[in-house]
């Protein structure tokens, strides 16, 4: 039987765009899974230690894969300046989100974070000159509406400091994705994935040494699992950015909410309320709208 995705185009959407969408969906599922574990572990250890171990233990598998495939080739770069800017932005984004996760409910973090796709598209237009059409903007707004329906912001209360840190995290996360997209033009996916973890480890090491809290063997295993999951997620998301514009991929960020609700049921037996199910349906619909948008535009 012939593979329907083996043709250059499937129902008006290029094979590369399909590939990008599927890689992105997988990456966000993995990130949502790691978030569930991180939410549990930040109650037990300092944010700096969680961030350090998360970076260190996802760096190891990335380096092993890189060395097995290319030797140390992936550590070389023709764009050190672009990497330096992106590393600083990524550090701010990662640390800000993990800090707020340690202080606020996960659903609260998600509903605020889900404004990031709007800024991704704005940054991509400003920095990358990638224009979004009306259907793509509609998909982004519809996805955010789905999150609002599900979480009901009127029930959310966030400390002023957490809110301020989250705003910084959102803007830096959107800028980080934009800079990643630009780097895919000249750098390998492994190069883009490896450097932020090296930077995070080096920056946080002095702070961790002064506030280290011993881990049990069980928690070492959990951190190893988190590192492996995030390493794979980081790689597939970076790889996906090669094949589609941010205006196509930005609405897919909302699927982490659907995965978050699924993991609530799977791990903690939390049954979603009707608004959550309705919101999840709207989010899924917003992602289907991406496909309609791509049928009306040529592949990137």
Protein backbone atom coordinates (compact mmCIF):
# COMPACT_ATOMS: atom_id res chain seq x y z
CA UNK A 1 0.00 0.00 0.00
CA UNK A 2 1.39 3.36 -1.00
CA UNK A 3 2.26 5.78 1.80
CA UNK A 4 0.00 8.84 1.33
CA UNK A 5 2.70 11.08 2.79
CA UNK A 6 5.35 9.93 0.33
CA UNK A 7 4.03 12.26 -2.36
CA UNK A 8 5.35 15.84 -2.56
CA UNK A 9 1.94 17.14 -1.53
CA UNK A 10 -1.00 15.71 0.42
CA UNK A 11 -4.38 17.42 0.06
CA UNK A 12 -2.71 20.72 -0.79
CA UNK A 13 -0.24 20.61 2.11
CA UNK A 14 3.41 19.85 1.45
CA UNK A 15 5.07 16.80 2.97
CA UNK A 16 7.54 19.08 4.80
CA UNK A 17 4.72 20.97 6.51
CA UNK A 18 3.04 17.69 7.55
CA UNK A 19 6.38 16.53 8.91
CA UNK A 20 6.81 19.76 10.84
CA UNK A 21 3.31 19.56 12.35
CA UNK A 22 3.73 15.94 13.46
CA UNK A 23 7.19 16.57 14.95
CA UNK A 24 5.82 19.60 16.81
CA UNK A 25 2.85 17.68 18.22
CA UNK A 26 5.20 14.97 19.48
CA UNK A 27 7.53 17.55 21.03
CA UNK A 28 4.73 19.31 22.91
CA UNK A 29 3.38 15.99 24.21
CA UNK A 30 6.83 15.24 25.62
CA UNK A 31 7.17 18.72 27.12
CA UNK A 32 3.78 18.37 28.84
CA UNK A 33 4.88 15.02 30.28
CA UNK A 34 8.11 16.55 31.61
CA UNK A 35 6.14 19.49 33.07
CA UNK A 36 4.06 17.04 35.10
CA UNK A 37 7.22 15.55 36.61
CA UNK A 38 8.86 18.96 37.13
CA UNK A 39 5.77 20.29 38.93
CA UNK A 40 6.15 17.45 41.43
CA UNK A 41 9.89 17.83 41.91
CA UNK A 42 9.99 21.63 42.38
CA UNK A 43 8.19 21.17 45.70
CA UNK A 44 11.19 19.20 46.98
CA UNK A 45 14.25 20.99 45.54
CA UNK A 46 15.32 24.60 44.80
CA UNK A 47 14.42 25.99 41.38
CA UNK A 48 18.12 26.52 40.56
CA UNK A 49 18.89 22.85 41.29
CA UNK A 50 15.92 21.62 39.23
CA UNK A 51 16.95 23.85 36.31
CA UNK A 52 20.58 22.73 36.57
CA UNK A 53 19.79 19.00 36.65
CA UNK A 54 17.19 19.34 33.90
CA UNK A 55 19.80 20.97 31.64
CA UNK A 56 22.66 18.63 32.59
CA UNK A 57 20.69 15.42 32.18
CA UNK A 58 19.22 16.42 28.82
CA UNK A 59 22.65 17.56 27.62
CA UNK A 60 24.16 14.10 28.12
CA UNK A 61 21.92 12.20 25.64
CA UNK A 62 22.20 15.05 23.10
CA UNK A 63 26.01 14.91 23.26
CA UNK A 64 26.02 11.12 22.99
CA UNK A 65 23.80 11.19 19.90
CA UNK A 66 25.86 14.01 18.40
CA UNK A 67 29.16 12.20 18.98
CA UNK A 68 27.79 8.93 17.59
CA UNK A 69 26.57 10.66 14.41
CA UNK A 70 29.07 13.44 13.71
CA UNK A 71 31.89 13.31 16.25
CA UNK A 72 32.13 16.80 17.74
CA UNK A 73 30.98 18.51 14.55
CA UNK A 74 27.76 19.75 16.15
CA UNK A 75 29.75 21.86 18.63
CA UNK A 76 31.06 24.01 15.78
CA UNK A 77 29.07 27.02 14.67
CA UNK A 78 29.27 29.76 12.06
CA UNK A 79 26.93 32.02 14.07
CA UNK A 80 28.39 32.51 17.57
CA UNK A 81 26.76 35.92 17.98
CA UNK A 82 23.28 34.64 17.16
CA UNK A 83 23.77 31.71 19.52
CA UNK A 84 24.92 34.02 22.33
CA UNK A 85 21.80 36.19 22.07
CA UNK A 86 19.54 33.16 21.86
CA UNK A 87 21.24 31.48 24.85
CA UNK A 88 20.58 34.49 27.08
CA UNK A 89 16.95 34.68 25.94
CA UNK A 90 16.45 30.93 26.46
CA UNK A 91 17.97 31.09 29.95
CA UNK A 92 15.59 33.87 31.00
CA UNK A 93 12.60 32.00 29.54
CA UNK A 94 13.42 28.65 31.13
CA UNK A 95 14.25 30.00 34.57
CA UNK A 96 11.19 32.28 34.64
CA UNK A 97 8.73 29.52 33.75
CA UNK A 98 10.23 27.01 36.19
CA UNK A 99 10.15 29.65 38.95
CA UNK A 100 6.46 30.38 38.35
CA UNK A 101 5.70 26.63 38.19
CA UNK A 102 7.17 26.32 41.68
CA UNK A 103 4.89 29.11 42.96
CA UNK A 104 1.59 28.74 41.08
CA UNK A 105 -0.79 25.98 39.92
CA UNK A 106 0.18 24.39 36.60
CA UNK A 107 -3.10 25.42 34.92
CA UNK A 108 -2.49 29.04 35.95
CA UNK A 109 0.96 28.94 34.39
CA UNK A 110 -0.47 27.45 31.20
CA UNK A 111 -3.24 30.00 30.67
CA UNK A 112 -0.79 32.91 30.99
CA UNK A 113 1.88 31.17 28.94
CA UNK A 114 -0.58 30.57 26.10
CA UNK A 115 -0.38 34.19 25.04
CA UNK A 116 3.12 33.35 23.74
CA UNK A 117 1.95 32.16 20.28
CA UNK A 118 0.59 35.63 19.58
CA UNK A 119 4.03 37.12 20.26
CA UNK A 120 5.74 34.37 18.26
CA UNK A 121 3.91 35.42 15.13
CA UNK A 122 4.58 39.11 15.80
CA UNK A 123 8.30 38.45 16.34
CA UNK A 124 8.48 36.23 13.24
CA UNK A 125 6.99 39.04 11.14
CA UNK A 126 9.41 41.59 12.59
CA UNK A 127 12.60 39.50 12.65
CA UNK A 128 12.08 36.81 9.98
CA UNK A 129 9.71 38.68 7.64
CA UNK A 130 7.29 35.73 7.75
CA UNK A 131 3.77 37.01 7.24
CA UNK A 132 0.69 35.28 8.69
CA UNK A 133 -2.59 35.22 6.81
CA UNK A 134 -6.06 35.70 8.28
CA UNK A 135 -6.69 31.96 8.73
CA UNK A 136 -3.49 31.55 10.71
CA UNK A 137 -4.31 34.45 13.01
CA UNK A 138 -7.80 32.99 13.45
CA UNK A 139 -6.27 29.65 14.45
CA UNK A 140 -4.09 31.32 17.09
CA UNK A 141 -6.95 33.32 18.60
CA UNK A 142 -9.33 30.34 18.53
CA UNK A 143 -6.78 28.22 20.39
CA UNK A 144 -6.44 30.87 23.09
CA UNK A 145 -10.22 31.09 23.38
CA UNK A 146 -10.24 27.33 23.98
CA UNK A 147 -7.76 27.74 26.84
CA UNK A 148 -9.84 30.57 28.36
CA UNK A 149 -13.02 28.42 28.18
CA UNK A 150 -11.26 25.49 29.83
CA UNK A 151 -9.47 27.32 32.62
CA UNK A 152 -11.91 30.19 33.32
CA UNK A 153 -9.50 33.04 34.15
CA UNK A 154 -11.97 34.58 36.62
CA UNK A 155 -11.02 31.79 39.02
CA UNK A 156 -7.28 32.46 38.71
CA UNK A 157 -5.34 34.48 41.27
CA UNK A 158 -1.60 35.03 40.75
CA UNK A 159 0.88 36.78 43.00
CA UNK A 160 2.17 40.07 41.47
CA UNK A 161 5.79 38.85 41.43
CA UNK A 162 4.80 35.59 39.72
CA UNK A 163 2.80 37.52 37.12
CA UNK A 164 5.70 39.87 36.38
CA UNK A 165 8.14 36.97 36.04
CA UNK A 166 5.65 35.13 33.82
CA UNK A 167 5.34 38.11 31.46
CA UNK A 168 9.13 38.15 31.07
CA UNK A 169 9.04 34.38 30.50
CA UNK A 170 6.35 34.66 27.80
CA UNK A 171 8.13 37.35 25.80
CA UNK A 172 11.49 35.58 26.04
CA UNK A 173 9.91 32.22 25.10
CA UNK A 174 8.35 33.74 21.98
CA UNK A 175 11.62 35.46 21.04
CA UNK A 176 13.54 32.22 21.68
CA UNK A 177 11.39 30.30 19.18
CA UNK A 178 11.90 33.05 16.63
CA UNK A 179 15.67 32.97 17.05
CA UNK A 180 15.64 29.17 16.83
CA UNK A 181 13.76 29.38 13.55
CA UNK A 182 16.39 31.79 12.21
CA UNK A 183 19.26 29.53 13.29
CA UNK A 184 17.79 26.52 11.45
CA UNK A 185 18.78 28.26 8.22
CA UNK A 186 22.49 27.60 8.90
CA UNK A 187 22.85 25.32 11.95
CA UNK A 188 22.06 21.65 12.62
CA UNK A 189 19.19 20.73 14.96
CA UNK A 190 21.62 19.14 17.42
CA UNK A 191 23.80 22.26 17.51
CA UNK A 192 20.78 24.43 18.32
CA UNK A 193 19.64 21.98 21.02
CA UNK A 194 23.05 21.43 22.66
CA UNK A 195 24.26 25.00 23.26
CA UNK A 196 21.43 26.19 25.57
CA UNK A 197 22.03 23.26 27.91
CA UNK A 198 25.79 23.90 28.09
CA UNK A 199 25.07 27.55 28.85
CA UNK A 200 22.48 26.69 31.52
CA UNK A 201 24.83 24.24 33.25
CA UNK A 202 27.75 26.70 33.33
CA UNK A 203 25.66 29.63 34.57
CA UNK A 204 23.80 27.73 37.29
CA UNK A 205 26.72 25.61 38.58
CA UNK A 206 28.03 28.25 41.07
CA UNK A 207 24.55 28.78 42.56
CA UNK A 208 23.82 25.06 42.81
CA UNK A 209 27.10 24.34 44.61
CA UNK A 210 26.11 26.70 47.44
CA UNK A 211 22.51 25.44 47.82
CA UNK A 212 22.71 21.78 46.80
CA UNK A 213 20.10 19.52 48.40
CA UNK A 214 20.98 15.79 48.32
CA UNK A 215 18.78 13.62 46.11
CA UNK A 216 17.44 10.18 46.85
CA UNK A 217 18.12 7.42 44.32
CA UNK A 218 14.46 7.54 43.34
CA UNK A 219 14.68 11.23 42.51
CA UNK A 220 17.93 10.74 40.57
CA UNK A 221 15.97 8.29 38.43
CA UNK A 222 13.16 10.81 37.99
CA UNK A 223 15.61 13.54 36.92
CA UNK A 224 17.22 11.13 34.44
CA UNK A 225 13.79 10.42 32.99
CA UNK A 226 12.99 14.14 32.78
CA UNK A 227 16.34 14.80 31.09
CA UNK A 228 15.75 12.13 28.45
CA UNK A 229 12.19 13.30 27.76
CA UNK A 230 13.15 16.97 27.45
CA UNK A 231 16.21 16.18 25.30
CA UNK A 232 13.99 14.38 22.79
CA UNK A 233 11.34 17.11 22.95
CA UNK A 234 13.93 19.84 22.44
CA UNK A 235 15.41 18.08 19.43
CA UNK A 236 12.13 17.34 17.64
CA UNK A 237 10.79 20.88 18.20
CA UNK A 238 14.02 22.36 16.83
CA UNK A 239 13.90 20.00 13.86
CA UNK A 240 10.27 20.89 13.17
CA UNK A 241 11.14 24.60 12.88
CA UNK A 242 13.07 23.83 9.68
CA UNK A 243 9.99 22.94 7.67
CA UNK A 244 7.25 25.46 8.50
CA UNK A 245 6.82 29.09 9.52
CA UNK A 246 6.00 30.11 13.09
CA UNK A 247 2.55 31.25 12.00
CA UNK A 248 1.80 27.60 11.16
CA UNK A 249 3.40 26.09 14.27
CA UNK A 250 2.44 28.67 16.92
CA UNK A 251 -1.17 27.42 17.43
CA UNK A 252 0.19 23.93 18.16
CA UNK A 253 1.49 25.29 21.50
CA UNK A 254 -2.07 25.01 22.78
CA UNK A 255 -2.02 21.22 22.48
CA UNK A 256 0.13 21.08 25.63
CA UNK A 257 -3.05 21.96 27.54
CA UNK A 258 -4.84 18.95 26.06
CA UNK A 259 -1.88 16.75 27.02
CA UNK A 260 -1.80 18.32 30.48
CA UNK A 261 -5.46 17.40 31.03
CA UNK A 262 -4.71 13.87 29.79
CA UNK A 263 -1.81 13.44 32.23
CA UNK A 264 -3.99 14.76 35.07
CA UNK A 265 -6.33 11.85 34.41
CA UNK A 266 -3.56 9.31 33.84
CA UNK A 267 -1.36 10.12 36.85
CA UNK A 268 -3.63 11.72 39.42
CA UNK A 269 -7.11 10.55 38.46
CA UNK A 270 -8.38 14.12 38.01
CA UNK A 271 -11.50 13.94 35.86
CA UNK A 272 -11.82 16.95 33.50
CA UNK A 273 -14.86 19.13 34.09
CA UNK A 274 -17.19 19.97 31.15
CA UNK A 275 -15.52 23.37 30.48
CA UNK A 276 -12.16 21.62 30.18
CA UNK A 277 -13.53 19.15 27.65
CA UNK A 278 -15.20 21.97 25.68
CA UNK A 279 -12.02 24.04 25.73
CA UNK A 280 -9.95 21.05 24.60
CA UNK A 281 -12.34 20.55 21.69
CA UNK A 282 -11.94 24.19 20.66
CA UNK A 283 -8.14 23.85 20.86
CA UNK A 284 -8.24 20.79 18.61
CA UNK A 285 -10.47 22.71 16.21
CA UNK A 286 -8.01 25.60 16.15
CA UNK A 287 -5.27 23.21 15.11
CA UNK A 288 -7.40 21.78 12.32
CA UNK A 289 -7.80 25.35 11.13
CA UNK A 290 -4.03 25.44 10.51
CA UNK A 291 -4.49 22.82 7.80
CA UNK A 292 -7.16 24.93 6.10
CA UNK A 293 -4.81 27.90 6.26
CA UNK A 294 -2.00 25.94 4.61
CA UNK A 295 -4.22 24.81 1.77
CA UNK A 296 -4.62 28.48 0.87
CA UNK A 297 -0.91 29.27 0.94
CA UNK A 298 2.15 27.76 -0.61
CA UNK A 299 4.54 25.73 1.53
CA UNK A 300 7.40 27.73 3.09
